[in-house]
C-alpha atoms as a PDB file:
ATOM      1  CA  SER A   1      99.070  76.968 109.239  1.00  0.00           C
ATOM      2  CA  ALA A   2     102.443  75.955 107.781  1.00  0.00           C
ATOM      3  CA  VAL A   3     100.842  74.920 104.491  1.00  0.00           C
ATOM      4  CA  ALA A   4      98.751  78.110 104.436  1.00  0.00           C
ATOM      5  CA  SER A   5     101.873  80.234 105.098  1.00  0.00           C
ATOM      6  CA  ILE A   6     103.734  78.578 102.249  1.00  0.00           C
ATOM      7  CA  LEU A   7     100.789  78.971  99.877  1.00  0.00           C
ATOM      8  CA  ASN A   8     100.397  82.620 100.935  1.00  0.00           C
ATOM      9  CA  ALA A   9     104.084  83.108 100.124  1.00  0.00           C
ATOM     10  CA  THR A  10     103.205  82.561  96.447  1.00  0.00           C
ATOM     11  CA  VAL A  11     101.915  86.163  96.331  1.00  0.00           C
ATOM     12  CA  PRO A  12     105.215  87.673  95.069  1.00  0.00           C
ATOM     13  CA  LEU A  13     105.553  84.864  92.525  1.00  0.00           C
ATOM     14  CA  PHE A  14     102.097  85.674  91.106  1.00  0.00           C
ATOM     15  CA  THR A  15     102.828  89.403  91.383  1.00  0.00           C
ATOM     16  CA  ILE A  16     105.983  89.287  89.269  1.00  0.00           C
ATOM     17  CA  VAL A  17     104.097  87.579  86.428  1.00  0.00           C
ATOM     18  CA  ILE A  18     101.072  89.905  86.568  1.00  0.00           C
ATOM     19  CA  ALA A  19     103.218  93.051  86.939  1.00  0.00           C
ATOM     20  CA  HIS A  20     105.402  91.998  84.024  1.00  0.00           C
ATOM     21  CA  TYR A  21     102.387  92.172  81.699  1.00  0.00           C
ATOM     22  CA  TRP A  22     100.422  95.058  83.296  1.00  0.00           C
ATOM     23  CA  LEU A  23     103.119  97.536  84.280  1.00  0.00           C
ATOM     24  CA  HIS A  24     105.861  99.099  82.229  1.00  0.00           C
ATOM     25  CA  ASP A  25     108.273  99.606  85.155  1.00  0.00           C
ATOM     26  CA  ASP A  26     108.108  96.310  87.068  1.00  0.00           C
ATOM     27  CA  LYS A  27     109.358  93.732  84.594  1.00  0.00           C
ATOM     28  CA  MET A  28     110.778  90.292  85.290  1.00  0.00           C
ATOM     29  CA  THR A  29     114.533  90.154  85.554  1.00  0.00           C
ATOM     30  CA  VAL A  30     116.806  87.228  86.316  1.00  0.00           C
ATOM     31  CA  GLN A  31     117.770  88.896  89.598  1.00  0.00           C
ATOM     32  CA  LYS A  32     114.126  89.345  90.697  1.00  0.00           C
ATOM     33  CA  VAL A  33     113.091  85.818  89.753  1.00  0.00           C
ATOM     34  CA  LEU A  34     116.142  84.327  91.475  1.00  0.00           C
ATOM     35  CA  GLY A  35     115.480  86.369  94.621  1.00  0.00           C
ATOM     36  CA  LEU A  36     111.803  85.393  94.711  1.00  0.00           C
ATOM     37  CA  LEU A  37     112.627  81.711  94.307  1.00  0.00           C
ATOM     38  CA  ILE A  38     115.268  81.877  97.065  1.00  0.00           C
ATOM     39  CA  GLY A  39     112.725  83.528  99.365  1.00  0.00           C
ATOM     40  CA  PHE A  40     110.052  80.955  98.568  1.00  0.00           C
ATOM     41  CA  ALA A  41     112.564  78.179  99.261  1.00  0.00           C
ATOM     42  CA  GLY A  42     113.322  79.921 102.560  1.00  0.00           C
ATOM     43  CA  VAL A  43     109.638  79.841 103.535  1.00  0.00           C
ATOM     44  CA  VAL A  44     109.429  76.132 102.646  1.00  0.00           C
ATOM     45  CA  VAL A  45     112.578  75.341 104.685  1.00  0.00           C
ATOM     46  CA  LEU A  46     111.349  77.492 107.568  1.00  0.00           C
ATOM     47  CA  LEU A  47     108.077  75.604 107.764  1.00  0.00           C
ATOM     48  CA  SER A  48     109.310  72.155 106.650  1.00  0.00           C
ATOM     49  CA  GLU A  49     109.281  70.749 110.176  1.00  0.00           C
ATOM     50  CA  ASP A  50     105.612  71.685 110.564  1.00  0.00           C
ATOM     51  CA  LEU A  51     104.817  70.283 107.123  1.00  0.00           C
ATOM     52  CA  LEU A  52     106.167  66.861 108.076  1.00  0.00           C
ATOM     53  CA  THR A  53     104.027  66.641 111.212  1.00  0.00           C
ATOM     54  CA  SER A  54     100.719  68.008 109.891  1.00  0.00           C
ATOM     55  CA  SER A  55      98.090  66.452 107.645  1.00  0.00           C
ATOM     56  CA  HIS A  56      97.338  68.055 104.300  1.00  0.00           C
ATOM     57  CA  SER A  57      93.831  66.739 103.756  1.00  0.00           C
ATOM     58  CA  SER A  58      91.994  69.891 102.703  1.00  0.00           C
ATOM     59  CA  ALA A  59      92.634  70.422  98.994  1.00  0.00           C
ATOM     60  CA  LEU A  60      89.693  72.841  98.793  1.00  0.00           C
ATOM     61  CA  GLY A  61      91.137  74.978 101.592  1.00  0.00           C
ATOM     62  CA  GLN A  62      94.558  74.988  99.945  1.00  0.00           C
ATOM     63  CA  ALA A  63      93.011  75.998  96.629  1.00  0.00           C
ATOM     64  CA  ALA A  64      91.216  78.855  98.419  1.00  0.00           C
ATOM     65  CA  VAL A  65      94.526  80.124  99.865  1.00  0.00           C
ATOM     66  CA  ILE A  66      96.175  79.977  96.424  1.00  0.00           C
ATOM     67  CA  LEU A  67      93.211  81.837  94.901  1.00  0.00           C
ATOM     68  CA  ALA A  68      93.460  84.457  97.667  1.00  0.00           C
ATOM     69  CA  ALA A  69      97.189  84.822  96.946  1.00  0.00           C
ATOM     70  CA  LEU A  70      96.418  85.303  93.248  1.00  0.00           C
ATOM     71  CA  PHE A  71      93.841  87.996  94.074  1.00  0.00           C
ATOM     72  CA  TYR A  72      96.259  89.659  96.519  1.00  0.00           C
ATOM     73  CA  ALA A  73      98.899  89.783  93.780  1.00  0.00           C
ATOM     74  CA  GLY A  74      96.455  91.076  91.183  1.00  0.00           C
ATOM     75  CA  SER A  75      95.068  93.715  93.513  1.00  0.00           C
ATOM     76  CA  ALA A  76      98.567  94.983  94.360  1.00  0.00           C
ATOM     77  CA  VAL A  77      99.377  95.417  90.663  1.00  0.00           C
ATOM     78  CA  PHE A  78      95.953  96.946  89.962  1.00  0.00           C
ATOM     79  CA  ALA A  79      96.313  99.366  92.901  1.00  0.00           C
ATOM     80  CA  ARG A  80      99.703 100.472  91.608  1.00  0.00           C
ATOM     81  CA  LYS A  81      98.349 101.039  88.109  1.00  0.00           C
ATOM     82  CA  ALA A  82      95.035 102.660  89.075  1.00  0.00           C
ATOM     83  CA  THR A  83      96.216 104.955  91.877  1.00  0.00           C
ATOM     84  CA  GLN A  84      99.322 106.546  90.407  1.00  0.00           C
ATOM     85  CA  HIS A  85      97.745 110.016  90.339  1.00  0.00           C
ATOM     86  CA  VAL A  86      95.989 109.742  93.712  1.00  0.00           C
ATOM     87  CA  GLU A  87      97.453 111.357  96.814  1.00  0.00           C
ATOM     88  CA  GLY A  88      99.225 108.834  99.056  1.00  0.00           C
ATOM     89  CA  PHE A  89      97.051 109.267 102.146  1.00  0.00           C
ATOM     90  CA  VAL A  90      93.856 108.942 100.099  1.00  0.00           C
ATOM     91  CA  ARG A  91      94.976 105.779  98.323  1.00  0.00           C
ATOM     92  CA  SER A  92      95.818 104.086 101.620  1.00  0.00           C
ATOM     93  CA  SER A  93      92.818 105.276 103.628  1.00  0.00           C
ATOM     94  CA  ALA A  94      90.103 104.499 101.051  1.00  0.00           C
ATOM     95  CA  PRO A  95      90.321 100.685 101.455  1.00  0.00           C
ATOM     96  CA  LEU A  96      90.263 101.018 105.251  1.00  0.00           C
ATOM     97  CA  ILE A  97      87.245 103.326 105.240  1.00  0.00           C
ATOM     98  CA  THR A  98      85.257 101.155 102.827  1.00  0.00           C
ATOM     99  CA  ALA A  99      86.112  98.003 104.820  1.00  0.00           C
ATOM    100  CA  ALA A 100      85.010  99.684 108.057  1.00  0.00           C
ATOM    101  CA  ILE A 101      81.711 100.795 106.496  1.00  0.00           C
ATOM    102  CA  PHE A 102      81.107  97.282 105.170  1.00  0.00           C
ATOM    103  CA  MET A 103      81.842  95.713 108.572  1.00  0.00           C
ATOM    104  CA  TRP A 104      79.517  98.139 110.390  1.00  0.00           C
ATOM    105  CA  LEU A 105      76.723  97.416 107.906  1.00  0.00           C
ATOM    106  CA  VAL A 106      77.113  93.636 107.770  1.00  0.00           C
ATOM    107  CA  GLY A 107      78.262  92.996 111.359  1.00  0.00           C
ATOM    108  CA  PRO A 108      74.916  93.563 113.097  1.00  0.00           C
ATOM    109  CA  ILE A 109      73.121  91.512 110.436  1.00  0.00           C
ATOM    110  CA  ALA A 110      75.557  88.575 110.358  1.00  0.00           C
ATOM    111  CA  GLU A 111      76.372  88.425 114.083  1.00  0.00           C
ATOM    112  CA  LYS A 112      73.411  87.763 116.352  1.00  0.00           C
ATOM    113  CA  PRO A 113      73.558  88.958 119.046  1.00  0.00           C
ATOM    114  CA  PHE A 114      75.855  91.814 118.126  1.00  0.00           C
ATOM    115  CA  LEU A 115      77.803  92.592 121.305  1.00  0.00           C
ATOM    116  CA  PHE A 116      80.471  95.179 121.970  1.00  0.00           C
ATOM    117  CA  PRO A 117      83.523  94.020 123.925  1.00  0.00           C
ATOM    118  CA  THR A 118      83.603  95.093 127.558  1.00  0.00           C
ATOM    119  CA  LEU A 119      87.263  94.485 128.449  1.00  0.00           C
ATOM    120  CA  THR A 120      89.694  97.401 128.248  1.00  0.00           C
ATOM    121  CA  LEU A 121      92.332  95.013 126.909  1.00  0.00           C
ATOM    122  CA  THR A 122      90.072  94.137 123.973  1.00  0.00           C
ATOM    123  CA  TRP A 123      89.610  97.799 123.024  1.00  0.00           C
ATOM    124  CA  THR A 124      93.356  98.396 123.432  1.00  0.00           C
ATOM    125  CA  ALA A 125      94.051  95.486 121.075  1.00  0.00           C
ATOM    126  CA  VAL A 126      91.492  96.766 118.546  1.00  0.00           C
ATOM    127  CA  LEU A 127      93.038 100.248 118.582  1.00  0.00           C
ATOM    128  CA  TRP A 128      96.573  98.841 118.403  1.00  0.00           C
ATOM    129  CA  LEU A 129      95.731  96.630 115.437  1.00  0.00           C
ATOM    130  CA  GLY A 130      93.586  99.294 113.776  1.00  0.00           C
ATOM    131  CA  ILE A 131      96.049 102.158 114.063  1.00  0.00           C
ATOM    132  CA  LEU A 132      99.352 100.327 113.646  1.00  0.00           C
ATOM    133  CA  GLY A 133      98.527  96.930 112.143  1.00  0.00           C
ATOM    134  CA  SER A 134      96.112  98.301 109.546  1.00  0.00           C
ATOM    135  CA  GLY A 135      96.320 102.101 109.363  1.00  0.00           C
ATOM    136  CA  LEU A 136     100.072 102.688 109.437  1.00  0.00           C
ATOM    137  CA  ALA A 137     100.734  99.413 107.607  1.00  0.00           C
ATOM    138  CA  MET A 138      98.430 100.441 104.727  1.00  0.00           C
ATOM    139  CA  ILE A 139     100.086 103.845 104.436  1.00  0.00           C
ATOM    140  CA  MET A 140     103.506 102.185 104.276  1.00  0.00           C
ATOM    141  CA  PHE A 141     102.320  99.452 101.883  1.00  0.00           C
ATOM    142  CA  TYR A 142     100.842 101.921  99.379  1.00  0.00           C
ATOM    143  CA  TYR A 143     103.951 104.071  99.659  1.00  0.00           C
ATOM    144  CA  LEU A 144     106.138 101.052  98.878  1.00  0.00           C
ATOM    145  CA  LEU A 145     103.781  99.915  96.143  1.00  0.00           C
ATOM    146  CA  HIS A 146     104.512 103.134  94.275  1.00  0.00           C
ATOM    147  CA  GLU A 147     108.144 103.598  95.302  1.00  0.00           C
ATOM    148  CA  ILE A 148     109.578 100.109  94.755  1.00  0.00           C
ATOM    149  CA  GLY A 149     106.783  98.358  92.826  1.00  0.00           C
ATOM    150  CA  PRO A 150     104.306  95.624  93.658  1.00  0.00           C
ATOM    151  CA  THR A 151     106.725  92.711  93.200  1.00  0.00           C
ATOM    152  CA  ARG A 152     109.095  93.881  95.923  1.00  0.00           C
ATOM    153  CA  ALA A 153     106.308  95.291  98.124  1.00  0.00           C
ATOM    154  CA  THR A 154     104.483  91.945  98.250  1.00  0.00           C
ATOM    155  CA  MET A 155     107.640  90.194  99.447  1.00  0.00           C
ATOM    156  CA  VAL A 156     106.364  91.084 102.908  1.00  0.00           C
ATOM    157  CA  THR A 157     104.507  87.748 102.736  1.00  0.00           C
ATOM    158  CA  TYR A 158     107.895  86.033 103.116  1.00  0.00           C
ATOM    159  CA  LEU A 159     108.365  87.747 106.480  1.00  0.00           C
ATOM    160  CA  PHE A 160     105.048  86.684 108.067  1.00  0.00           C
ATOM    161  CA  PRO A 161     106.098  83.052 108.678  1.00  0.00           C
ATOM    162  CA  VAL A 162     109.460  84.216 110.059  1.00  0.00           C
ATOM    163  CA  GLY A 163     107.689  86.457 112.558  1.00  0.00           C
ATOM    164  CA  GLY A 164     105.254  83.714 113.520  1.00  0.00           C
ATOM    165  CA  VAL A 165     107.969  81.126 114.108  1.00  0.00           C
ATOM    166  CA  ILE A 166     110.185  83.558 116.048  1.00  0.00           C
ATOM    167  CA  LEU A 167     107.258  84.616 118.243  1.00  0.00           C
ATOM    168  CA  GLY A 168     106.506  80.926 118.829  1.00  0.00           C
ATOM    169  CA  VAL A 169     110.061  80.388 120.057  1.00  0.00           C
ATOM    170  CA  ILE A 170     109.973  83.464 122.309  1.00  0.00           C
ATOM    171  CA  PHE A 171     106.466  83.255 123.774  1.00  0.00           C
ATOM    172  CA  LEU A 172     105.368  79.635 123.363  1.00  0.00           C
ATOM    173  CA  ASN A 173     108.679  77.940 124.220  1.00  0.00           C
ATOM    174  CA  GLU A 174     108.833  76.228 120.836  1.00  0.00           C
ATOM    175  CA  HIS A 175     112.289  74.897 120.063  1.00  0.00           C
ATOM    176  CA  LEU A 176     114.819  76.814 117.983  1.00  0.00           C
ATOM    177  CA  SER A 177     115.431  74.585 114.959  1.00  0.00           C
ATOM    178  CA  TRP A 178     117.906  74.590 112.127  1.00  0.00           C
ATOM    179  CA  GLN A 179     114.919  75.169 109.822  1.00  0.00           C
ATOM    180  CA  LEU A 180     114.223  78.518 111.515  1.00  0.00           C
ATOM    181  CA  LEU A 181     117.815  79.651 111.062  1.00  0.00           C
ATOM    182  CA  ALA A 182     118.221  78.352 107.492  1.00  0.00           C
ATOM    183  CA  GLY A 183     114.805  79.568 106.331  1.00  0.00           C
ATOM    184  CA  THR A 184     115.300  83.026 107.828  1.00  0.00           C
ATOM    185  CA  PHE A 185     118.760  83.232 106.239  1.00  0.00           C
ATOM    186  CA  LEU A 186     117.353  82.328 102.801  1.00  0.00           C
ATOM    187  CA  ILE A 187     114.545  84.893 103.146  1.00  0.00           C
ATOM    188  CA  ILE A 188     117.023  87.632 104.095  1.00  0.00           C
ATOM    189  CA  VAL A 189     119.248  86.650 101.149  1.00  0.00           C
ATOM    190  CA  SER A 190     116.212  86.807  98.838  1.00  0.00           C
ATOM    191  CA  LEU A 191     115.385  90.334  99.989  1.00  0.00           C
ATOM    192  CA  ILE A 192     118.980  91.386  99.338  1.00  0.00           C
ATOM    193  CA  VAL A 193     119.035  89.761  95.883  1.00  0.00           C
ATOM    194  CA  VAL A 194     115.742  91.296  94.755  1.00  0.00           C
ATOM    195  CA  ASN A 195     116.531  94.730  96.144  1.00  0.00           C
END
């Protein structure tokens, strides 16, 4: 997961290159590039302890994560360019609606037997993740995509590993390391530099 988090953190690095050529208002600057590199270094430092203790045997899996990061970056730039004249709520709800339709069509075919959860906690989690983790997050992401540009909006991928490591310390009794503090500091500095 540490390697995957670091590879996923390449999204803003891909985004700045793609946006530079596709958009007229999100060009590379020294300040942006410096901030992105500081943030990427922060993610590497944050996860360096895990990198040293894990095996990196799956080159195909790592290539898939890099390809996904490239597509994530490209789709953020494309969404910014293609949805400039679309109302904010529509541009954020359309991907959620189409994904839900796809899941309801493919789910019963791909999952045999197709069972609905019976625990109340499961439905609470689904609603929580659907409304906040996807619905509200998509509205905010598309808002930021158009307000601050795809390069800065995709810097959210730098925060995912920070959240994961902090939650591990709080809930899983993982130890608080210098890597957590230094990596988080570098990521915060990167956000300040870019913004």
